[in-house]
Amino acid sequence: MAGGEMMVPDWPGRIVGDEGHDRIAACLVMDIQNAPEWAQIVLDRVDAVINGDEGHWEMAMNAYILKVDPAICEITPAYEEQGEEIVWVPSSEFRAALVAWIKQMDKSTG
């Protein structure tokens, strides 16, 4: 990536304009950012929940609070004054987006 260019999240099946997919994208950009190590930690925790090793996982980040259950992720704004609603997305979709984001980071630094 050229200096100053921001990556735009994209993953197989992403629907631009879909409330859930747009919130996943915002969470990736604002909370995961361009931090591969952090992204891998989040992926490991999401996988642990999806695979049944953990019942759930919750983490407050910069802009959102991510609550992961085996089937559904809740993405809640960390600050109420932003006026955003809570959004629920399938955990598998959040995981697919996160995996694609990690690959995008690898390409931009590789």
N, C-alpha and C. Protein backbone atom coordinates (compact mmCIF):
# COMPACT_ATOMS: atom_id res chain seq x y z
N MET A 1 0.84 -1.18 0.00
CA MET A 1 0.00 0.00 0.00
C MET A 1 0.89 1.24 0.00
N ALA A 2 0.47 2.21 -0.75
CA ALA A 2 1.19 3.48 -0.75
C ALA A 2 0.98 4.17 0.58
N GLY A 3 1.93 4.99 0.96
CA GLY A 3 1.84 5.67 2.25
C GLY A 3 0.52 6.41 2.41
N GLY A 4 -0.13 6.21 3.56
CA GLY A 4 -1.36 6.92 3.87
C GLY A 4 -2.63 6.28 3.35
N GLU A 5 -2.52 5.28 2.48
CA GLU A 5 -3.73 4.63 1.98
C GLU A 5 -4.29 3.69 3.04
N MET A 6 -5.61 3.77 3.23
CA MET A 6 -6.26 2.91 4.22
C MET A 6 -6.84 1.68 3.52
N MET A 7 -6.62 0.53 4.12
CA MET A 7 -7.21 -0.69 3.59
C MET A 7 -8.72 -0.64 3.81
N VAL A 8 -9.44 -1.21 2.87
CA VAL A 8 -10.89 -1.33 2.97
C VAL A 8 -11.22 -2.81 3.14
N PRO A 9 -11.91 -3.16 4.21
CA PRO A 9 -12.23 -4.58 4.44
C PRO A 9 -13.08 -5.16 3.31
N ASP A 10 -12.70 -6.35 2.89
CA ASP A 10 -13.47 -7.08 1.89
C ASP A 10 -13.29 -8.56 2.19
N TRP A 11 -14.34 -9.31 1.96
CA TRP A 11 -14.28 -10.74 2.19
C TRP A 11 -15.33 -11.41 1.32
N PRO A 12 -15.17 -12.71 1.05
CA PRO A 12 -16.14 -13.41 0.21
C PRO A 12 -17.54 -13.32 0.82
N GLY A 13 -18.49 -12.86 0.03
CA GLY A 13 -19.87 -12.74 0.49
C GLY A 13 -20.21 -11.39 1.10
N ARG A 14 -19.24 -10.48 1.17
CA ARG A 14 -19.52 -9.16 1.75
C ARG A 14 -20.54 -8.42 0.90
N ILE A 15 -21.50 -7.81 1.60
CA ILE A 15 -22.52 -7.01 0.93
C ILE A 15 -22.38 -5.58 1.45
N VAL A 16 -21.86 -4.70 0.60
CA VAL A 16 -21.74 -3.29 0.97
C VAL A 16 -23.14 -2.72 1.14
N GLY A 17 -23.35 -1.99 2.22
CA GLY A 17 -24.68 -1.43 2.50
C GLY A 17 -25.50 -2.30 3.44
N ASP A 18 -25.05 -3.54 3.67
CA ASP A 18 -25.70 -4.40 4.65
C ASP A 18 -25.27 -3.95 6.04
N GLU A 19 -26.23 -3.70 6.92
CA GLU A 19 -25.94 -3.16 8.25
C GLU A 19 -24.91 -4.01 9.01
N GLY A 20 -25.09 -5.32 8.99
CA GLY A 20 -24.18 -6.20 9.70
C GLY A 20 -22.79 -6.20 9.09
N HIS A 21 -22.72 -6.27 7.78
CA HIS A 21 -21.42 -6.30 7.10
C HIS A 21 -20.70 -4.96 7.25
N ASP A 22 -21.46 -3.87 7.19
CA ASP A 22 -20.84 -2.56 7.38
C ASP A 22 -20.29 -2.41 8.80
N ARG A 23 -21.00 -2.97 9.78
CA ARG A 23 -20.51 -2.89 11.16
C ARG A 23 -19.27 -3.75 11.35
N ILE A 24 -19.25 -4.93 10.73
CA ILE A 24 -18.03 -5.76 10.78
C ILE A 24 -16.86 -4.97 10.20
N ALA A 25 -17.07 -4.35 9.05
CA ALA A 25 -16.00 -3.58 8.41
C ALA A 25 -15.53 -2.45 9.32
N ALA A 26 -16.45 -1.75 9.94
CA ALA A 26 -16.08 -0.66 10.86
C ALA A 26 -15.29 -1.19 12.04
N CYS A 27 -15.70 -2.32 12.57
CA CYS A 27 -15.01 -2.94 13.69
C CYS A 27 -13.57 -3.33 13.30
N LEU A 28 -13.42 -3.86 12.11
CA LEU A 28 -12.08 -4.23 11.65
C LEU A 28 -11.18 -3.01 11.52
N VAL A 29 -11.69 -1.95 10.91
CA VAL A 29 -10.89 -0.76 10.68
C VAL A 29 -10.59 -0.02 11.98
N MET A 30 -11.60 0.14 12.84
CA MET A 30 -11.45 0.98 14.02
C MET A 30 -10.88 0.23 15.23
N ASP A 31 -11.15 -1.06 15.32
CA ASP A 31 -10.75 -1.81 16.52
C ASP A 31 -9.60 -2.78 16.28
N ILE A 32 -9.63 -3.50 15.20
CA ILE A 32 -8.52 -4.41 14.89
C ILE A 32 -7.38 -3.62 14.26
N GLN A 33 -7.74 -2.66 13.43
CA GLN A 33 -6.80 -1.77 12.74
C GLN A 33 -5.80 -2.59 11.93
N ASN A 34 -4.63 -2.04 11.73
CA ASN A 34 -3.59 -2.74 10.96
C ASN A 34 -2.60 -3.38 11.94
N ALA A 35 -3.15 -4.25 12.79
CA ALA A 35 -2.36 -4.89 13.85
C ALA A 35 -2.50 -6.41 13.74
N PRO A 36 -1.63 -7.03 12.95
CA PRO A 36 -1.75 -8.48 12.71
C PRO A 36 -1.74 -9.33 13.99
N GLU A 37 -0.90 -8.96 14.94
CA GLU A 37 -0.82 -9.76 16.18
C GLU A 37 -2.15 -9.71 16.93
N TRP A 38 -2.72 -8.52 17.04
CA TRP A 38 -4.01 -8.35 17.72
C TRP A 38 -5.10 -9.11 16.96
N ALA A 39 -5.09 -9.00 15.64
CA ALA A 39 -6.08 -9.69 14.83
C ALA A 39 -6.02 -11.20 15.08
N GLN A 40 -4.81 -11.74 15.19
CA GLN A 40 -4.66 -13.18 15.43
C GLN A 40 -5.18 -13.56 16.82
N ILE A 41 -4.96 -12.71 17.81
CA ILE A 41 -5.50 -12.97 19.15
C ILE A 41 -7.01 -13.02 19.11
N VAL A 42 -7.62 -12.05 18.44
CA VAL A 42 -9.09 -12.03 18.33
C VAL A 42 -9.57 -13.27 17.58
N LEU A 43 -8.90 -13.62 16.48
CA LEU A 43 -9.29 -14.81 15.72
C LEU A 43 -9.20 -16.06 16.58
N ASP A 44 -8.14 -16.18 17.35
CA ASP A 44 -7.99 -17.35 18.23
C ASP A 44 -9.16 -17.45 19.22
N ARG A 45 -9.56 -16.32 19.76
CA ARG A 45 -10.67 -16.32 20.73
C ARG A 45 -11.99 -16.63 20.04
N VAL A 46 -12.22 -16.06 18.86
CA VAL A 46 -13.44 -16.35 18.10
C VAL A 46 -13.49 -17.83 17.76
N ASP A 47 -12.37 -18.39 17.30
CA ASP A 47 -12.31 -19.82 16.99
C ASP A 47 -12.61 -20.68 18.22
N ALA A 48 -12.07 -20.29 19.37
CA ALA A 48 -12.31 -21.05 20.60
C ALA A 48 -13.80 -21.10 20.93
N VAL A 49 -14.50 -20.01 20.69
CA VAL A 49 -15.94 -19.98 20.95
C VAL A 49 -16.69 -20.81 19.91
N ILE A 50 -16.39 -20.58 18.64
CA ILE A 50 -17.08 -21.31 17.57
C ILE A 50 -16.86 -22.82 17.71
N ASN A 51 -15.65 -23.22 18.11
CA ASN A 51 -15.32 -24.64 18.24
C ASN A 51 -15.80 -25.27 19.55
N GLY A 52 -16.36 -24.45 20.43
CA GLY A 52 -16.90 -24.97 21.68
C GLY A 52 -15.90 -25.08 22.82
N ASP A 53 -14.69 -24.58 22.63
CA ASP A 53 -13.70 -24.61 23.70
C ASP A 53 -14.02 -23.58 24.78
N GLU A 54 -14.68 -22.51 24.39
CA GLU A 54 -15.16 -21.48 25.32
C GLU A 54 -16.63 -21.24 25.02
N GLY A 55 -17.40 -20.90 26.05
CA GLY A 55 -18.82 -20.66 25.86
C GLY A 55 -19.13 -19.33 25.19
N HIS A 56 -18.34 -18.31 25.51
CA HIS A 56 -18.48 -17.00 24.91
C HIS A 56 -17.21 -16.19 25.17
N TRP A 57 -17.10 -15.06 24.46
CA TRP A 57 -15.96 -14.16 24.68
C TRP A 57 -16.46 -12.75 24.46
N GLU A 58 -15.99 -11.84 25.27
CA GLU A 58 -16.40 -10.44 25.17
C GLU A 58 -15.18 -9.55 25.34
N MET A 59 -15.12 -8.50 24.52
CA MET A 59 -13.99 -7.58 24.60
C MET A 59 -14.44 -6.18 24.21
N ALA A 60 -14.18 -5.21 25.08
CA ALA A 60 -14.41 -3.81 24.75
C ALA A 60 -13.16 -3.31 24.03
N MET A 61 -13.37 -2.71 22.87
CA MET A 61 -12.24 -2.22 22.09
C MET A 61 -12.36 -0.71 21.93
N ASN A 62 -11.76 -0.14 20.91
CA ASN A 62 -11.76 1.32 20.73
C ASN A 62 -13.15 1.88 20.48
N ALA A 63 -13.85 1.32 19.52
CA ALA A 63 -15.15 1.86 19.11
C ALA A 63 -16.32 0.94 19.43
N TYR A 64 -16.05 -0.35 19.54
CA TYR A 64 -17.13 -1.33 19.71
C TYR A 64 -16.83 -2.32 20.83
N ILE A 65 -17.88 -2.90 21.34
CA ILE A 65 -17.79 -4.01 22.28
C ILE A 65 -18.22 -5.24 21.48
N LEU A 66 -17.34 -6.21 21.39
CA LEU A 66 -17.61 -7.44 20.64
C LEU A 66 -17.96 -8.53 21.63
N LYS A 67 -19.13 -9.13 21.45
CA LYS A 67 -19.57 -10.26 22.27
C LYS A 67 -19.78 -11.44 21.33
N VAL A 68 -19.00 -12.48 21.53
CA VAL A 68 -19.01 -13.62 20.62
C VAL A 68 -19.64 -14.82 21.31
N ASP A 69 -20.66 -15.38 20.69
CA ASP A 69 -21.24 -16.66 21.08
C ASP A 69 -21.03 -17.61 19.91
N PRO A 70 -21.25 -18.91 20.10
CA PRO A 70 -20.96 -19.85 19.01
C PRO A 70 -21.65 -19.51 17.67
N ALA A 71 -22.87 -19.01 17.72
CA ALA A 71 -23.59 -18.75 16.47
C ALA A 71 -23.67 -17.27 16.11
N ILE A 72 -23.69 -16.39 17.11
CA ILE A 72 -23.96 -14.97 16.87
C ILE A 72 -22.93 -14.09 17.56
N CYS A 73 -22.52 -13.03 16.86
CA CYS A 73 -21.69 -11.98 17.45
C CYS A 73 -22.55 -10.73 17.60
N GLU A 74 -22.44 -10.12 18.75
CA GLU A 74 -23.09 -8.83 18.99
C GLU A 74 -22.00 -7.77 18.93
N ILE A 75 -22.23 -6.73 18.11
CA ILE A 75 -21.28 -5.62 18.01
C ILE A 75 -22.01 -4.37 18.47
N THR A 76 -21.62 -3.90 19.66
CA THR A 76 -22.27 -2.78 20.32
C THR A 76 -21.36 -1.57 20.32
N PRO A 77 -21.88 -0.39 20.03
CA PRO A 77 -21.03 0.80 20.13
C PRO A 77 -20.51 0.97 21.55
N ALA A 78 -19.24 1.31 21.67
CA ALA A 78 -18.65 1.51 22.99
C ALA A 78 -19.13 2.81 23.62
N TYR A 79 -19.57 3.74 22.79
CA TYR A 79 -20.01 5.05 23.28
C TYR A 79 -21.41 5.34 22.78
N GLU A 80 -22.35 5.48 23.69
CA GLU A 80 -23.75 5.69 23.33
C GLU A 80 -23.97 6.97 22.53
N GLU A 81 -23.17 8.00 22.78
CA GLU A 81 -23.39 9.28 22.12
C GLU A 81 -23.19 9.22 20.60
N GLN A 82 -22.65 8.13 20.10
CA GLN A 82 -22.48 7.99 18.66
C GLN A 82 -23.80 7.70 17.94
N GLY A 83 -24.82 7.27 18.68
CA GLY A 83 -26.15 7.04 18.10
C GLY A 83 -26.27 5.77 17.28
N GLU A 84 -25.32 4.88 17.37
CA GLU A 84 -25.39 3.63 16.62
C GLU A 84 -26.18 2.59 17.41
N GLU A 85 -26.84 1.72 16.70
CA GLU A 85 -27.61 0.63 17.30
C GLU A 85 -26.71 -0.60 17.46
N ILE A 86 -27.15 -1.51 18.30
CA ILE A 86 -26.49 -2.82 18.42
C ILE A 86 -26.78 -3.60 17.14
N VAL A 87 -25.76 -4.32 16.67
CA VAL A 87 -25.91 -5.14 15.47
C VAL A 87 -25.48 -6.56 15.81
N TRP A 88 -26.25 -7.53 15.30
CA TRP A 88 -25.92 -8.94 15.47
C TRP A 88 -25.58 -9.52 14.11
N VAL A 89 -24.51 -10.31 14.07
CA VAL A 89 -24.09 -10.97 12.83
C VAL A 89 -23.72 -12.41 13.15
N PRO A 90 -23.85 -13.30 12.18
CA PRO A 90 -23.40 -14.67 12.42
C PRO A 90 -21.90 -14.69 12.76
N SER A 91 -21.55 -15.46 13.75
CA SER A 91 -20.14 -15.57 14.15
C SER A 91 -19.27 -16.04 12.99
N SER A 92 -19.81 -16.92 12.16
CA SER A 92 -19.04 -17.41 11.01
C SER A 92 -18.73 -16.29 10.02
N GLU A 93 -19.65 -15.32 9.88
CA GLU A 93 -19.40 -14.19 8.98
C GLU A 93 -18.33 -13.26 9.56
N PHE A 94 -18.41 -13.02 10.88
CA PHE A 94 -17.38 -12.19 11.51
C PHE A 94 -16.02 -12.86 11.33
N ARG A 95 -15.97 -14.17 11.55
CA ARG A 95 -14.72 -14.91 11.41
C ARG A 95 -14.18 -14.81 9.99
N ALA A 96 -15.04 -15.01 8.99
CA ALA A 96 -14.61 -14.93 7.59
C ALA A 96 -14.03 -13.55 7.27
N ALA A 97 -14.67 -12.52 7.78
CA ALA A 97 -14.18 -11.16 7.55
C ALA A 97 -12.83 -10.95 8.23
N LEU A 98 -12.69 -11.46 9.43
CA LEU A 98 -11.43 -11.31 10.17
C LEU A 98 -10.30 -12.05 9.48
N VAL A 99 -10.56 -13.25 9.01
CA VAL A 99 -9.54 -14.02 8.27
C VAL A 99 -9.12 -13.26 7.01
N ALA A 100 -10.09 -12.72 6.28
CA ALA A 100 -9.77 -11.94 5.08
C ALA A 100 -8.99 -10.67 5.42
N TRP A 101 -9.33 -10.03 6.53
CA TRP A 101 -8.62 -8.83 6.98
C TRP A 101 -7.15 -9.15 7.29
N ILE A 102 -6.94 -10.28 7.95
CA ILE A 102 -5.57 -10.70 8.25
C ILE A 102 -4.79 -10.93 6.95
N LYS A 103 -5.42 -11.55 5.97
CA LYS A 103 -4.76 -11.76 4.68
C LYS A 103 -4.45 -10.44 3.99
N GLN A 104 -5.39 -9.47 4.09
CA GLN A 104 -5.14 -8.15 3.51
C GLN A 104 -3.94 -7.48 4.19
N MET A 105 -3.86 -7.61 5.51
CA MET A 105 -2.72 -7.01 6.22
C MET A 105 -1.42 -7.67 5.77
N ASP A 106 -1.43 -9.00 5.62
CA ASP A 106 -0.24 -9.71 5.18
C ASP A 106 0.23 -9.23 3.80
N LYS A 107 -0.74 -9.01 2.90
CA LYS A 107 -0.39 -8.53 1.55
C LYS A 107 0.16 -7.11 1.59
N SER A 108 -0.39 -6.27 2.46
CA SER A 108 0.04 -4.87 2.49
C SER A 108 1.43 -4.70 3.11
N THR A 109 1.83 -5.67 3.94
CA THR A 109 3.15 -5.55 4.59
C THR A 109 4.17 -6.47 3.94
N GLY A 110 3.68 -7.42 3.12
CA GLY A 110 4.57 -8.42 2.55
C GLY A 110 5.21 -7.94 1.32
